[in-house]
Amino acid sequence: MEDELVEKEKVRDTLEATRVTADEILARLGRGEPIVFVDARRADVWSDAQEKLPGAVRLGPDDGARDATLPIIPSHRSIVTYCTCPHEASSAAVARILADRGYADVHPLYGGLEAWRKAGGALVPK
């Protein structure tokens, strides 16, 4: 029994959240679906940034204020994490943090902020 639990834990640790495309998210927003955006850029990148997705909450992979930020992210909504890293590294890490805290519907944005911009997604000043 213990071996089975350890094996399940190993499998869970290797799973990554499914990425979503900007076009998918724009279509869902167009249908009126509520989406929460989480800006997962590292602190140094965030400090130099000029814009973000509308309503985005910042929670970086290196964020020490995680316990203060998590309560403002609704757990019953779809959550899309985004960053500017190659292969969505920071957004995948933050998606993992959220999933580990019980958030069920969390997905990194494939291609990150640049893909959002190219798809014509709205951006607002930070």
C-alpha atoms as a PDB file:
ATOM      1  CA  MET A   1       0.000   0.000   0.000  1.00  0.00           C
ATOM      2  CA  GLU A   2       2.776   2.434   0.922  1.00  0.00           C
ATOM      3  CA  ASP A   3       4.650   1.578  -2.293  1.00  0.00           C
ATOM      4  CA  GLU A   4       1.503   2.346  -4.275  1.00  0.00           C
ATOM      5  CA  LEU A   5       1.158   5.758  -2.611  1.00  0.00           C
ATOM      6  CA  VAL A   6       4.810   6.564  -3.262  1.00  0.00           C
ATOM      7  CA  GLU A   7       4.392   5.566  -6.917  1.00  0.00           C
ATOM      8  CA  LYS A   8       1.286   7.767  -7.304  1.00  0.00           C
ATOM      9  CA  GLU A   9       3.205  10.669  -5.770  1.00  0.00           C
ATOM     10  CA  LYS A  10       6.044  10.186  -8.270  1.00  0.00           C
ATOM     11  CA  VAL A  11       3.589  10.210 -11.182  1.00  0.00           C
ATOM     12  CA  ARG A  12       1.866  13.343  -9.872  1.00  0.00           C
ATOM     13  CA  ASP A  13       5.223  15.081  -9.534  1.00  0.00           C
ATOM     14  CA  THR A  14       6.030  14.477 -13.202  1.00  0.00           C
ATOM     15  CA  LEU A  15       2.722  15.757 -14.570  1.00  0.00           C
ATOM     16  CA  GLU A  16       2.589  19.252 -15.963  1.00  0.00           C
ATOM     17  CA  ALA A  17      -0.430  21.434 -16.428  1.00  0.00           C
ATOM     18  CA  THR A  18      -1.834  21.432 -19.941  1.00  0.00           C
ATOM     19  CA  ARG A  19      -0.959  24.595 -21.791  1.00  0.00           C
ATOM     20  CA  VAL A  20      -3.636  26.683 -23.487  1.00  0.00           C
ATOM     21  CA  THR A  21      -3.226  28.965 -26.476  1.00  0.00           C
ATOM     22  CA  ALA A  22      -4.032  32.648 -26.622  1.00  0.00           C
ATOM     23  CA  ASP A  23      -6.675  31.942 -29.276  1.00  0.00           C
ATOM     24  CA  GLU A  24      -8.380  29.409 -26.975  1.00  0.00           C
ATOM     25  CA  ILE A  25      -8.474  31.887 -24.108  1.00  0.00           C
ATOM     26  CA  LEU A  26      -9.689  34.748 -26.304  1.00  0.00           C
ATOM     27  CA  ALA A  27     -12.510  32.507 -27.567  1.00  0.00           C
ATOM     28  CA  ARG A  28     -13.471  31.575 -24.009  1.00  0.00           C
ATOM     29  CA  LEU A  29     -13.453  35.225 -22.958  1.00  0.00           C
ATOM     30  CA  GLY A  30     -15.597  35.997 -26.006  1.00  0.00           C
ATOM     31  CA  ARG A  31     -18.161  33.504 -24.704  1.00  0.00           C
ATOM     32  CA  GLY A  32     -18.166  35.316 -21.372  1.00  0.00           C
ATOM     33  CA  GLU A  33     -16.239  32.700 -19.413  1.00  0.00           C
ATOM     34  CA  PRO A  34     -14.555  34.158 -16.326  1.00  0.00           C
ATOM     35  CA  ILE A  35     -10.785  33.671 -16.487  1.00  0.00           C
ATOM     36  CA  VAL A  36      -8.283  34.740 -13.839  1.00  0.00           C
ATOM     37  CA  PHE A  37      -4.861  35.719 -15.165  1.00  0.00           C
ATOM     38  CA  VAL A  38      -1.788  35.204 -13.000  1.00  0.00           C
ATOM     39  CA  ASP A  39       1.362  37.026 -14.044  1.00  0.00           C
ATOM     40  CA  ALA A  40       4.147  34.583 -13.270  1.00  0.00           C
ATOM     41  CA  ARG A  41       7.102  36.667 -14.389  1.00  0.00           C
ATOM     42  CA  ARG A  42      10.140  36.638 -12.113  1.00  0.00           C
ATOM     43  CA  ALA A  43      10.561  39.673  -9.846  1.00  0.00           C
ATOM     44  CA  ASP A  44      13.350  41.198 -11.962  1.00  0.00           C
ATOM     45  CA  VAL A  45      11.332  40.869 -15.171  1.00  0.00           C
ATOM     46  CA  TRP A  46       8.173  42.168 -13.481  1.00  0.00           C
ATOM     47  CA  SER A  47       9.962  45.278 -12.206  1.00  0.00           C
ATOM     48  CA  ASP A  48      10.992  46.228 -15.763  1.00  0.00           C
ATOM     49  CA  ALA A  49       7.598  45.427 -17.292  1.00  0.00           C
ATOM     50  CA  GLN A  50       5.267  48.138 -18.544  1.00  0.00           C
ATOM     51  CA  GLU A  51       2.105  46.106 -19.127  1.00  0.00           C
ATOM     52  CA  LYS A  52       0.141  43.057 -18.058  1.00  0.00           C
ATOM     53  CA  LEU A  53      -3.025  41.180 -18.976  1.00  0.00           C
ATOM     54  CA  PRO A  54      -6.223  42.819 -17.706  1.00  0.00           C
ATOM     55  CA  GLY A  55      -6.924  42.057 -14.058  1.00  0.00           C
ATOM     56  CA  ALA A  56      -3.805  39.914 -13.693  1.00  0.00           C
ATOM     57  CA  VAL A  57      -2.598  39.075 -10.205  1.00  0.00           C
ATOM     58  CA  ARG A  58       1.160  38.759  -9.801  1.00  0.00           C
ATOM     59  CA  LEU A  59       2.537  35.565  -8.322  1.00  0.00           C
ATOM     60  CA  GLY A  60       6.065  34.802  -9.442  1.00  0.00           C
ATOM     61  CA  PRO A  61       7.844  31.498  -8.956  1.00  0.00           C
ATOM     62  CA  ASP A  62      10.237  33.304  -6.627  1.00  0.00           C
ATOM     63  CA  ASP A  63       7.489  35.159  -4.743  1.00  0.00           C
ATOM     64  CA  GLY A  64       7.927  35.158  -0.985  1.00  0.00           C
ATOM     65  CA  ALA A  65       4.480  36.770  -0.566  1.00  0.00           C
ATOM     66  CA  ARG A  66       2.740  33.644  -1.850  1.00  0.00           C
ATOM     67  CA  ASP A  67       0.573  33.198   1.240  1.00  0.00           C
ATOM     68  CA  ALA A  68      -0.718  36.759   0.917  1.00  0.00           C
ATOM     69  CA  THR A  69      -1.407  36.428  -2.817  1.00  0.00           C
ATOM     70  CA  LEU A  70      -3.142  33.046  -2.917  1.00  0.00           C
ATOM     71  CA  PRO A  71      -6.324  34.144  -1.102  1.00  0.00           C
ATOM     72  CA  ILE A  72      -7.067  36.730  -3.812  1.00  0.00           C
ATOM     73  CA  ILE A  73      -6.974  34.094  -6.569  1.00  0.00           C
ATOM     74  CA  PRO A  74     -10.417  32.443  -6.730  1.00  0.00           C
ATOM     75  CA  SER A  75     -10.080  28.665  -6.662  1.00  0.00           C
ATOM     76  CA  HIS A  76     -13.399  28.034  -8.448  1.00  0.00           C
ATOM     77  CA  ARG A  77     -12.415  29.767 -11.705  1.00  0.00           C
ATOM     78  CA  SER A  78     -10.214  28.878 -14.640  1.00  0.00           C
ATOM     79  CA  ILE A  79      -6.742  30.264 -14.079  1.00  0.00           C
ATOM     80  CA  VAL A  80      -4.222  31.065 -16.798  1.00  0.00           C
ATOM     81  CA  THR A  81      -0.629  31.722 -15.802  1.00  0.00           C
ATOM     82  CA  TYR A  82       1.701  33.565 -18.141  1.00  0.00           C
ATOM     83  CA  CYS A  83       5.289  34.743 -18.312  1.00  0.00           C
ATOM     84  CA  THR A  84       7.970  35.703 -20.831  1.00  0.00           C
ATOM     85  CA  CYS A  85      10.286  32.701 -20.243  1.00  0.00           C
ATOM     86  CA  PRO A  86      11.258  30.178 -22.878  1.00  0.00           C
ATOM     87  CA  HIS A  87       8.938  27.165 -22.722  1.00  0.00           C
ATOM     88  CA  GLU A  88       6.686  28.944 -20.203  1.00  0.00           C
ATOM     89  CA  ALA A  89       9.043  27.928 -17.385  1.00  0.00           C
ATOM     90  CA  SER A  90       7.835  30.431 -14.770  1.00  0.00           C
ATOM     91  CA  SER A  91       4.160  30.063 -15.638  1.00  0.00           C
ATOM     92  CA  ALA A  92       4.454  26.264 -15.468  1.00  0.00           C
ATOM     93  CA  ALA A  93       6.147  26.550 -12.058  1.00  0.00           C
ATOM     94  CA  VAL A  94       3.412  28.853 -10.750  1.00  0.00           C
ATOM     95  CA  ALA A  95       0.705  26.595 -12.217  1.00  0.00           C
ATOM     96  CA  ARG A  96       2.299  23.763 -10.269  1.00  0.00           C
ATOM     97  CA  ILE A  97       2.319  25.819  -7.054  1.00  0.00           C
ATOM     98  CA  LEU A  98      -1.374  26.583  -7.510  1.00  0.00           C
ATOM     99  CA  ALA A  99      -2.231  22.963  -8.320  1.00  0.00           C
ATOM    100  CA  ASP A 100      -0.358  21.825  -5.214  1.00  0.00           C
ATOM    101  CA  ARG A 101      -2.500  24.251  -3.194  1.00  0.00           C
ATOM    102  CA  GLY A 102      -5.719  22.732  -4.525  1.00  0.00           C
ATOM    103  CA  TYR A 103      -6.479  24.882  -7.562  1.00  0.00           C
ATOM    104  CA  ALA A 104      -7.968  22.461 -10.083  1.00  0.00           C
ATOM    105  CA  ASP A 105      -8.246  24.403 -13.353  1.00  0.00           C
ATOM    106  CA  VAL A 106      -4.826  25.997 -13.905  1.00  0.00           C
ATOM    107  CA  HIS A 107      -3.070  26.261 -17.265  1.00  0.00           C
ATOM    108  CA  PRO A 108       0.080  28.037 -18.470  1.00  0.00           C
ATOM    109  CA  LEU A 109      -0.376  30.214 -21.555  1.00  0.00           C
ATOM    110  CA  TYR A 110       1.478  28.620 -24.464  1.00  0.00           C
ATOM    111  CA  GLY A 111       3.930  31.166 -25.845  1.00  0.00           C
ATOM    112  CA  GLY A 112       3.363  33.483 -22.890  1.00  0.00           C
ATOM    113  CA  LEU A 113       2.896  37.214 -23.096  1.00  0.00           C
ATOM    114  CA  GLU A 114       4.282  37.444 -26.626  1.00  0.00           C
ATOM    115  CA  ALA A 115       1.729  34.933 -27.953  1.00  0.00           C
ATOM    116  CA  TRP A 116      -1.028  36.897 -26.224  1.00  0.00           C
ATOM    117  CA  ARG A 117       0.172  40.106 -27.853  1.00  0.00           C
ATOM    118  CA  LYS A 118       0.411  38.496 -31.320  1.00  0.00           C
ATOM    119  CA  ALA A 119      -3.125  37.090 -30.957  1.00  0.00           C
ATOM    120  CA  GLY A 120      -4.445  40.605 -30.319  1.00  0.00           C
ATOM    121  CA  GLY A 121      -5.184  40.059 -26.638  1.00  0.00           C
ATOM    122  CA  ALA A 122      -5.720  43.150 -24.517  1.00  0.00           C
ATOM    123  CA  LEU A 123      -2.907  44.532 -22.391  1.00  0.00           C
ATOM    124  CA  VAL A 124      -3.104  47.222 -19.738  1.00  0.00           C
ATOM    125  CA  PRO A 125      -0.477  49.378 -18.063  1.00  0.00           C
ATOM    126  CA  LYS A 126       1.010  47.754 -15.012  1.00  0.00           C
END
